[in-house]
Amino acid sequence: MPDWLRQVTARLHALVDSGGLWLGLGVSVGLAVVSLAIAAAVVVSWPLDRFKPGASHTFLASHPAPLRVLAHVGKNLAGLVLVLLGLVMALPGVPGQGILTMIIGLTLVDFPGKLGLERRLVGRPFVLRQLNALRARFKRAPLVFD
């Protein structure tokens, strides 16, 4: 066993022995709740034609350039954090909506071919139903896909 893994295992064992299991569980549940709240806010804020072909949405177009650059960096960082949290939540035994959180994180990150990937993921009937159910809970119109 590598030395770093042995150290991590020893620390986890000491944490569990000292009663830190409840702290770890609390942090895990807290992160799941926070990520779901962020994911819900992102889905609800999408315009209804977000995934419609040819729809163009310029991020903060009316704001000054320095604010737009800062907002783009923040948006991409938030997306990356959501993708990573989604990966963790997709593991067995970790609470949270991992796949949904990863999809929402991907919609925030800018990269080539993003729209095609988004349309393939969101276009799945189960995913689209879940997203529209969340939007309906906040009295928002369903997403227009085609």
N, C-alpha and C. Protein backbone atom coordinates (compact mmCIF):
# COMPACT_ATOMS: atom_id res chain seq x y z
N MET A 1 0.85 -1.17 0.00
CA MET A 1 0.00 0.00 0.00
C MET A 1 0.90 1.24 0.00
N PRO A 2 0.60 2.22 -0.89
CA PRO A 2 1.42 3.44 -0.92
C PRO A 2 1.36 4.18 0.42
N ASP A 3 2.41 4.91 0.70
CA ASP A 3 2.52 5.61 1.98
C ASP A 3 1.41 6.66 2.15
N TRP A 4 1.08 7.39 1.08
CA TRP A 4 0.05 8.42 1.20
C TRP A 4 -1.31 7.80 1.49
N LEU A 5 -1.58 6.64 0.90
CA LEU A 5 -2.85 5.97 1.15
C LEU A 5 -2.91 5.44 2.59
N ARG A 6 -1.79 4.96 3.08
CA ARG A 6 -1.72 4.49 4.46
C ARG A 6 -1.99 5.65 5.43
N GLN A 7 -1.45 6.83 5.12
CA GLN A 7 -1.67 8.01 5.97
C GLN A 7 -3.13 8.44 5.96
N VAL A 8 -3.74 8.46 4.77
CA VAL A 8 -5.15 8.84 4.66
C VAL A 8 -6.02 7.85 5.43
N THR A 9 -5.74 6.57 5.28
CA THR A 9 -6.50 5.55 5.99
C THR A 9 -6.35 5.70 7.50
N ALA A 10 -5.15 5.98 7.96
CA ALA A 10 -4.92 6.17 9.40
C ALA A 10 -5.69 7.38 9.92
N ARG A 11 -5.69 8.47 9.14
CA ARG A 11 -6.43 9.67 9.57
C ARG A 11 -7.94 9.41 9.60
N LEU A 12 -8.44 8.71 8.61
CA LEU A 12 -9.87 8.37 8.60
C LEU A 12 -10.22 7.48 9.78
N HIS A 13 -9.37 6.53 10.08
CA HIS A 13 -9.60 5.65 11.22
C HIS A 13 -9.61 6.45 12.52
N ALA A 14 -8.68 7.39 12.68
CA ALA A 14 -8.62 8.22 13.88
C ALA A 14 -9.85 9.12 13.97
N LEU A 15 -10.31 9.63 12.82
CA LEU A 15 -11.50 10.48 12.81
C LEU A 15 -12.73 9.71 13.24
N VAL A 16 -12.90 8.51 12.73
CA VAL A 16 -14.04 7.67 13.11
C VAL A 16 -13.96 7.31 14.58
N ASP A 17 -12.76 6.97 15.06
CA ASP A 17 -12.60 6.62 16.47
C ASP A 17 -12.91 7.79 17.39
N SER A 18 -12.63 9.02 16.95
CA SER A 18 -12.86 10.18 17.82
C SER A 18 -14.28 10.72 17.68
N GLY A 19 -15.14 10.05 16.98
CA GLY A 19 -16.52 10.51 16.83
C GLY A 19 -16.72 11.41 15.63
N GLY A 20 -15.72 11.53 14.77
CA GLY A 20 -15.82 12.40 13.61
C GLY A 20 -16.70 11.85 12.51
N LEU A 21 -17.20 10.64 12.71
CA LEU A 21 -18.09 10.06 11.71
C LEU A 21 -19.32 10.94 11.53
N TRP A 22 -19.86 11.45 12.62
CA TRP A 22 -21.05 12.29 12.54
C TRP A 22 -20.72 13.61 11.84
N LEU A 23 -19.52 14.13 12.08
CA LEU A 23 -19.10 15.34 11.40
C LEU A 23 -19.00 15.09 9.90
N GLY A 24 -18.39 13.99 9.51
CA GLY A 24 -18.28 13.64 8.10
C GLY A 24 -19.63 13.46 7.44
N LEU A 25 -20.53 12.81 8.16
CA LEU A 25 -21.89 12.62 7.63
C LEU A 25 -22.59 13.97 7.48
N GLY A 26 -22.42 14.84 8.47
CA GLY A 26 -23.03 16.17 8.41
C GLY A 26 -22.50 16.99 7.25
N VAL A 27 -21.20 16.94 7.04
CA VAL A 27 -20.59 17.67 5.92
C VAL A 27 -21.10 17.11 4.60
N SER A 28 -21.19 15.79 4.49
CA SER A 28 -21.67 15.16 3.26
C SER A 28 -23.11 15.58 2.94
N VAL A 29 -23.96 15.51 3.94
CA VAL A 29 -25.37 15.90 3.73
C VAL A 29 -25.46 17.40 3.44
N GLY A 30 -24.67 18.20 4.16
CA GLY A 30 -24.67 19.64 3.91
C GLY A 30 -24.26 19.98 2.50
N LEU A 31 -23.20 19.34 2.00
CA LEU A 31 -22.77 19.57 0.63
C LEU A 31 -23.82 19.13 -0.38
N ALA A 32 -24.49 18.04 -0.09
CA ALA A 32 -25.55 17.57 -0.99
C ALA A 32 -26.68 18.59 -1.07
N VAL A 33 -27.07 19.14 0.08
CA VAL A 33 -28.15 20.14 0.10
C VAL A 33 -27.73 21.41 -0.63
N VAL A 34 -26.51 21.88 -0.39
CA VAL A 34 -26.03 23.09 -1.05
C VAL A 34 -25.94 22.88 -2.56
N SER A 35 -25.43 21.73 -2.99
CA SER A 35 -25.31 21.50 -4.43
C SER A 35 -26.68 21.40 -5.09
N LEU A 36 -27.65 20.81 -4.40
CA LEU A 36 -29.01 20.75 -4.95
C LEU A 36 -29.63 22.14 -5.04
N ALA A 37 -29.37 22.99 -4.05
CA ALA A 37 -29.89 24.36 -4.09
C ALA A 37 -29.28 25.14 -5.25
N ILE A 38 -27.98 25.00 -5.45
CA ILE A 38 -27.32 25.68 -6.57
C ILE A 38 -27.84 25.13 -7.90
N ALA A 39 -27.98 23.83 -7.99
CA ALA A 39 -28.48 23.21 -9.22
C ALA A 39 -29.89 23.69 -9.52
N ALA A 40 -30.74 23.75 -8.51
CA ALA A 40 -32.11 24.22 -8.71
C ALA A 40 -32.12 25.67 -9.17
N ALA A 41 -31.27 26.51 -8.59
CA ALA A 41 -31.22 27.92 -8.98
C ALA A 41 -30.78 28.06 -10.44
N VAL A 42 -29.83 27.25 -10.87
CA VAL A 42 -29.36 27.31 -12.26
C VAL A 42 -30.46 26.87 -13.21
N VAL A 43 -31.11 25.76 -12.93
CA VAL A 43 -32.17 25.24 -13.82
C VAL A 43 -33.33 26.22 -13.91
N VAL A 44 -33.72 26.80 -12.79
CA VAL A 44 -34.84 27.73 -12.78
C VAL A 44 -34.49 29.01 -13.53
N SER A 45 -33.22 29.40 -13.52
CA SER A 45 -32.82 30.65 -14.18
C SER A 45 -32.65 30.51 -15.70
N TRP A 46 -32.60 29.28 -16.21
CA TRP A 46 -32.44 29.10 -17.65
C TRP A 46 -33.63 29.70 -18.40
N PRO A 47 -33.38 30.36 -19.54
CA PRO A 47 -34.50 30.77 -20.39
C PRO A 47 -35.16 29.53 -20.98
N LEU A 48 -36.43 29.59 -21.27
CA LEU A 48 -37.13 28.38 -21.72
C LEU A 48 -36.62 27.85 -23.06
N ASP A 49 -36.00 28.71 -23.87
CA ASP A 49 -35.45 28.25 -25.16
C ASP A 49 -33.94 27.98 -25.07
N ARG A 50 -33.43 27.68 -23.91
CA ARG A 50 -31.99 27.47 -23.66
C ARG A 50 -31.38 26.42 -24.59
N PHE A 51 -32.12 25.37 -24.91
CA PHE A 51 -31.58 24.27 -25.71
C PHE A 51 -32.17 24.23 -27.12
N LYS A 52 -32.90 25.24 -27.48
CA LYS A 52 -33.50 25.30 -28.81
C LYS A 52 -32.41 25.64 -29.83
N PRO A 53 -32.39 24.93 -30.98
CA PRO A 53 -31.37 25.23 -32.00
C PRO A 53 -31.48 26.68 -32.47
N GLY A 54 -30.35 27.34 -32.59
CA GLY A 54 -30.33 28.71 -33.08
C GLY A 54 -30.57 29.77 -32.02
N ALA A 55 -30.95 29.39 -30.81
CA ALA A 55 -31.18 30.37 -29.75
C ALA A 55 -29.82 30.91 -29.29
N SER A 56 -29.74 32.22 -29.15
CA SER A 56 -28.48 32.83 -28.74
C SER A 56 -28.71 33.60 -27.44
N HIS A 57 -27.90 33.29 -26.45
CA HIS A 57 -28.00 33.96 -25.16
C HIS A 57 -26.61 34.47 -24.79
N THR A 58 -26.46 35.78 -24.81
CA THR A 58 -25.18 36.38 -24.46
C THR A 58 -25.16 36.65 -22.96
N PHE A 59 -24.14 36.15 -22.31
CA PHE A 59 -24.03 36.24 -20.86
C PHE A 59 -23.67 37.68 -20.46
N LEU A 60 -24.56 38.36 -19.75
CA LEU A 60 -24.35 39.71 -19.23
C LEU A 60 -23.93 40.70 -20.33
N ALA A 61 -24.62 40.67 -21.46
CA ALA A 61 -24.23 41.50 -22.61
C ALA A 61 -24.25 42.99 -22.31
N SER A 62 -25.14 43.45 -21.45
CA SER A 62 -25.27 44.88 -21.21
C SER A 62 -24.34 45.40 -20.11
N HIS A 63 -23.52 44.56 -19.54
CA HIS A 63 -22.63 44.97 -18.46
C HIS A 63 -21.25 45.34 -18.99
N PRO A 64 -20.47 46.11 -18.23
CA PRO A 64 -19.11 46.49 -18.67
C PRO A 64 -18.21 45.26 -18.83
N ALA A 65 -17.22 45.37 -19.70
CA ALA A 65 -16.33 44.25 -20.03
C ALA A 65 -15.64 43.64 -18.81
N PRO A 66 -15.07 44.42 -17.88
CA PRO A 66 -14.40 43.78 -16.74
C PRO A 66 -15.35 42.94 -15.90
N LEU A 67 -16.58 43.40 -15.74
CA LEU A 67 -17.56 42.63 -14.97
C LEU A 67 -17.93 41.35 -15.71
N ARG A 68 -18.05 41.42 -17.04
CA ARG A 68 -18.36 40.22 -17.83
C ARG A 68 -17.26 39.19 -17.71
N VAL A 69 -15.99 39.63 -17.77
CA VAL A 69 -14.86 38.71 -17.66
C VAL A 69 -14.86 38.03 -16.29
N LEU A 70 -15.03 38.83 -15.25
CA LEU A 70 -15.08 38.28 -13.89
C LEU A 70 -16.25 37.31 -13.73
N ALA A 71 -17.39 37.66 -14.30
CA ALA A 71 -18.57 36.79 -14.22
C ALA A 71 -18.33 35.49 -14.99
N HIS A 72 -17.67 35.55 -16.14
CA HIS A 72 -17.36 34.34 -16.91
C HIS A 72 -16.44 33.41 -16.13
N VAL A 73 -15.43 33.98 -15.49
CA VAL A 73 -14.51 33.17 -14.69
C VAL A 73 -15.27 32.52 -13.54
N GLY A 74 -16.10 33.31 -12.84
CA GLY A 74 -16.89 32.76 -11.73
C GLY A 74 -17.85 31.68 -12.20
N LYS A 75 -18.49 31.91 -13.34
CA LYS A 75 -19.44 30.92 -13.89
C LYS A 75 -18.73 29.62 -14.22
N ASN A 76 -17.57 29.71 -14.83
CA ASN A 76 -16.81 28.51 -15.18
C ASN A 76 -16.31 27.77 -13.94
N LEU A 77 -15.85 28.52 -12.93
CA LEU A 77 -15.42 27.88 -11.68
C LEU A 77 -16.59 27.19 -10.99
N ALA A 78 -17.75 27.85 -10.95
CA ALA A 78 -18.93 27.24 -10.33
C ALA A 78 -19.32 25.97 -11.09
N GLY A 79 -19.25 26.01 -12.41
CA GLY A 79 -19.56 24.83 -13.21
C GLY A 79 -18.61 23.69 -12.93
N LEU A 80 -17.32 24.00 -12.83
CA LEU A 80 -16.33 22.97 -12.54
C LEU A 80 -16.58 22.35 -11.16
N VAL A 81 -16.90 23.19 -10.18
CA VAL A 81 -17.19 22.68 -8.83
C VAL A 81 -18.42 21.77 -8.87
N LEU A 82 -19.46 22.16 -9.61
CA LEU A 82 -20.65 21.32 -9.70
C LEU A 82 -20.36 20.00 -10.40
N VAL A 83 -19.53 20.02 -11.43
CA VAL A 83 -19.17 18.76 -12.11
C VAL A 83 -18.43 17.85 -11.14
N LEU A 84 -17.48 18.40 -10.40
CA LEU A 84 -16.72 17.58 -9.44
C LEU A 84 -17.62 17.07 -8.31
N LEU A 85 -18.50 17.92 -7.79
CA LEU A 85 -19.43 17.46 -6.75
C LEU A 85 -20.36 16.38 -7.30
N GLY A 86 -20.79 16.55 -8.55
CA GLY A 86 -21.64 15.54 -9.18
C GLY A 86 -20.93 14.20 -9.31
N LEU A 87 -19.65 14.25 -9.65
CA LEU A 87 -18.88 13.00 -9.73
C LEU A 87 -18.83 12.30 -8.38
N VAL A 88 -18.61 13.08 -7.33
CA VAL A 88 -18.57 12.49 -5.97
C VAL A 88 -19.94 11.94 -5.61
N MET A 89 -21.01 12.71 -5.89
CA MET A 89 -22.35 12.26 -5.53
C MET A 89 -22.82 11.07 -6.36
N ALA A 90 -22.20 10.84 -7.49
CA ALA A 90 -22.57 9.69 -8.32
C ALA A 90 -22.02 8.39 -7.74
N LEU A 91 -21.10 8.49 -6.80
CA LEU A 91 -20.55 7.29 -6.17
C LEU A 91 -21.60 6.63 -5.27
N PRO A 92 -21.60 5.32 -5.18
CA PRO A 92 -22.56 4.65 -4.31
C PRO A 92 -22.33 5.04 -2.85
N GLY A 93 -23.43 5.29 -2.14
CA GLY A 93 -23.37 5.62 -0.72
C GLY A 93 -23.23 7.09 -0.43
N VAL A 94 -23.06 7.92 -1.44
CA VAL A 94 -22.95 9.36 -1.23
C VAL A 94 -24.27 10.00 -1.62
N PRO A 95 -24.90 10.76 -0.69
CA PRO A 95 -26.22 11.33 -0.99
C PRO A 95 -26.13 12.45 -2.01
N GLY A 96 -27.16 12.60 -2.82
CA GLY A 96 -27.25 13.69 -3.78
C GLY A 96 -27.57 13.21 -5.19
N GLN A 97 -27.94 14.14 -6.02
CA GLN A 97 -28.28 13.87 -7.42
C GLN A 97 -27.04 14.09 -8.28
N GLY A 98 -26.17 13.10 -8.36
CA GLY A 98 -24.88 13.24 -9.03
C GLY A 98 -24.97 13.58 -10.51
N ILE A 99 -25.76 12.82 -11.26
CA ILE A 99 -25.84 13.02 -12.71
C ILE A 99 -26.44 14.39 -13.02
N LEU A 100 -27.52 14.74 -12.34
CA LEU A 100 -28.16 16.04 -12.57
C LEU A 100 -27.21 17.18 -12.23
N THR A 101 -26.47 17.05 -11.15
CA THR A 101 -25.51 18.09 -10.76
C THR A 101 -24.40 18.21 -11.80
N MET A 102 -23.93 17.09 -12.34
CA MET A 102 -22.90 17.15 -13.39
C MET A 102 -23.43 17.82 -14.64
N ILE A 103 -24.66 17.52 -15.03
CA ILE A 103 -25.24 18.12 -16.24
C ILE A 103 -25.35 19.63 -16.06
N ILE A 104 -25.81 20.06 -14.90
CA ILE A 104 -25.96 21.49 -14.65
C ILE A 104 -24.58 22.15 -14.63
N GLY A 105 -23.59 21.50 -14.03
CA GLY A 105 -22.24 22.04 -14.03
C GLY A 105 -21.69 22.17 -15.44
N LEU A 106 -21.96 21.19 -16.28
CA LEU A 106 -21.49 21.25 -17.68
C LEU A 106 -22.11 22.42 -18.43
N THR A 107 -23.37 22.76 -18.10
CA THR A 107 -24.00 23.88 -18.79
C THR A 107 -23.37 25.22 -18.41
N LEU A 108 -22.69 25.28 -17.28
CA LEU A 108 -22.04 26.52 -16.86
C LEU A 108 -20.64 26.68 -17.44
N VAL A 109 -19.96 25.57 -17.72
CA VAL A 109 -18.58 25.62 -18.21
C VAL A 109 -18.58 25.85 -19.71
N ASP A 110 -17.69 26.72 -20.18
CA ASP A 110 -17.56 27.00 -21.62
C ASP A 110 -16.48 26.10 -22.23
N PHE A 111 -16.84 25.36 -23.28
CA PHE A 111 -15.88 24.55 -24.02
C PHE A 111 -16.46 24.26 -25.40
N PRO A 112 -15.61 23.97 -26.39
CA PRO A 112 -16.10 23.71 -27.75
C PRO A 112 -17.00 22.47 -27.79
N GLY A 113 -18.09 22.55 -28.52
CA GLY A 113 -19.01 21.43 -28.66
C GLY A 113 -19.98 21.27 -27.49
N LYS A 114 -20.02 22.28 -26.63
CA LYS A 114 -20.86 22.20 -25.43
C LYS A 114 -22.34 22.09 -25.76
N LEU A 115 -22.81 22.88 -26.71
CA LEU A 115 -24.24 22.87 -27.03
C LEU A 115 -24.70 21.50 -27.51
N GLY A 116 -23.92 20.85 -28.35
CA GLY A 116 -24.28 19.51 -28.82
C GLY A 116 -24.35 18.50 -27.69
N LEU A 117 -23.37 18.56 -26.78
CA LEU A 117 -23.37 17.67 -25.62
C LEU A 117 -24.56 17.95 -24.72
N GLU A 118 -24.84 19.23 -24.47
CA GLU A 118 -25.99 19.59 -23.64
C GLU A 118 -27.29 19.06 -24.25
N ARG A 119 -27.44 19.25 -25.55
CA ARG A 119 -28.68 18.79 -26.20
C ARG A 119 -28.83 17.27 -26.11
N ARG A 120 -27.73 16.53 -26.26
CA ARG A 120 -27.80 15.07 -26.15
C ARG A 120 -28.18 14.64 -24.73
N LEU A 121 -27.59 15.29 -23.74
CA LEU A 121 -27.88 14.91 -22.35
C LEU A 121 -29.28 15.33 -21.92
N VAL A 122 -29.62 16.58 -22.18
CA VAL A 122 -30.92 17.10 -21.74
C VAL A 122 -32.04 16.55 -22.60
N GLY A 123 -31.74 16.14 -23.82
CA GLY A 123 -32.76 15.62 -24.72
C GLY A 123 -33.28 14.24 -24.33
N ARG A 124 -32.63 13.59 -23.41
CA ARG A 124 -33.14 12.29 -22.94
C ARG A 124 -34.45 12.52 -22.19
N PRO A 125 -35.48 11.75 -22.51
CA PRO A 125 -36.80 12.00 -21.93
C PRO A 125 -36.80 12.06 -20.40
N PHE A 126 -36.08 11.17 -19.74
CA PHE A 126 -36.07 11.16 -18.28
C PHE A 126 -35.47 12.45 -17.72
N VAL A 127 -34.34 12.87 -18.30
CA VAL A 127 -33.66 14.08 -17.81
C VAL A 127 -34.54 15.30 -18.06
N LEU A 128 -35.11 15.41 -19.25
CA LEU A 128 -35.95 16.56 -19.57
C LEU A 128 -37.17 16.61 -18.66
N ARG A 129 -37.77 15.46 -18.38
CA ARG A 129 -38.92 15.41 -17.45
C ARG A 129 -38.53 15.91 -16.06
N GLN A 130 -37.37 15.49 -15.57
CA GLN A 130 -36.92 15.91 -14.24
C GLN A 130 -36.64 17.41 -14.20
N LEU A 131 -35.98 17.93 -15.22
CA LEU A 131 -35.69 19.36 -15.26
C LEU A 131 -36.97 20.18 -15.33
N ASN A 132 -37.91 19.75 -16.17
CA ASN A 132 -39.17 20.48 -16.28
C ASN A 132 -40.01 20.37 -15.02
N ALA A 133 -39.93 19.24 -14.32
CA ALA A 133 -40.65 19.12 -13.04
C ALA A 133 -40.08 20.09 -12.01
N LEU A 134 -38.76 20.23 -12.00
CA LEU A 134 -38.13 21.20 -11.09
C LEU A 134 -38.54 22.62 -11.45
N ARG A 135 -38.56 22.94 -12.74
CA ARG A 135 -38.98 24.28 -13.16
C ARG A 135 -40.44 24.53 -12.81
N ALA A 136 -41.29 23.51 -12.96
CA ALA A 136 -42.71 23.67 -12.63
C ALA A 136 -42.90 23.95 -11.14
N ARG A 137 -42.07 23.33 -10.31
CA ARG A 137 -42.16 23.56 -8.86
C ARG A 137 -41.94 25.03 -8.52
N PHE A 138 -41.16 25.74 -9.35
CA PHE A 138 -40.90 27.16 -9.13
C PHE A 138 -41.69 28.04 -10.09
N LYS A 139 -42.76 27.47 -10.65
CA LYS A 139 -43.69 28.18 -11.54
C LYS A 139 -42.98 28.79 -12.76
N ARG A 140 -42.08 28.00 -13.35
CA ARG A 140 -41.40 28.43 -14.57
C ARG A 140 -41.90 27.56 -15.73
N ALA A 141 -41.91 28.11 -16.92
CA ALA A 141 -42.36 27.39 -18.11
C ALA A 141 -41.39 26.25 -18.40
N PRO A 142 -41.90 25.15 -18.98
CA PRO A 142 -41.01 24.03 -19.33
C PRO A 142 -40.02 24.44 -20.43
N LEU A 143 -38.89 23.73 -20.46
CA LEU A 143 -37.87 23.99 -21.46
C LEU A 143 -38.39 23.59 -22.84
N VAL A 144 -38.15 24.43 -23.84
CA VAL A 144 -38.50 24.13 -25.23
C VAL A 144 -37.26 23.51 -25.83
N PHE A 145 -37.40 22.28 -26.30
CA PHE A 145 -36.22 21.56 -26.78
C PHE A 145 -36.07 21.65 -28.29
N ASP A 146 -37.12 21.52 -29.05
CA ASP A 146 -37.04 21.58 -30.52
C ASP A 146 -37.87 22.69 -31.06
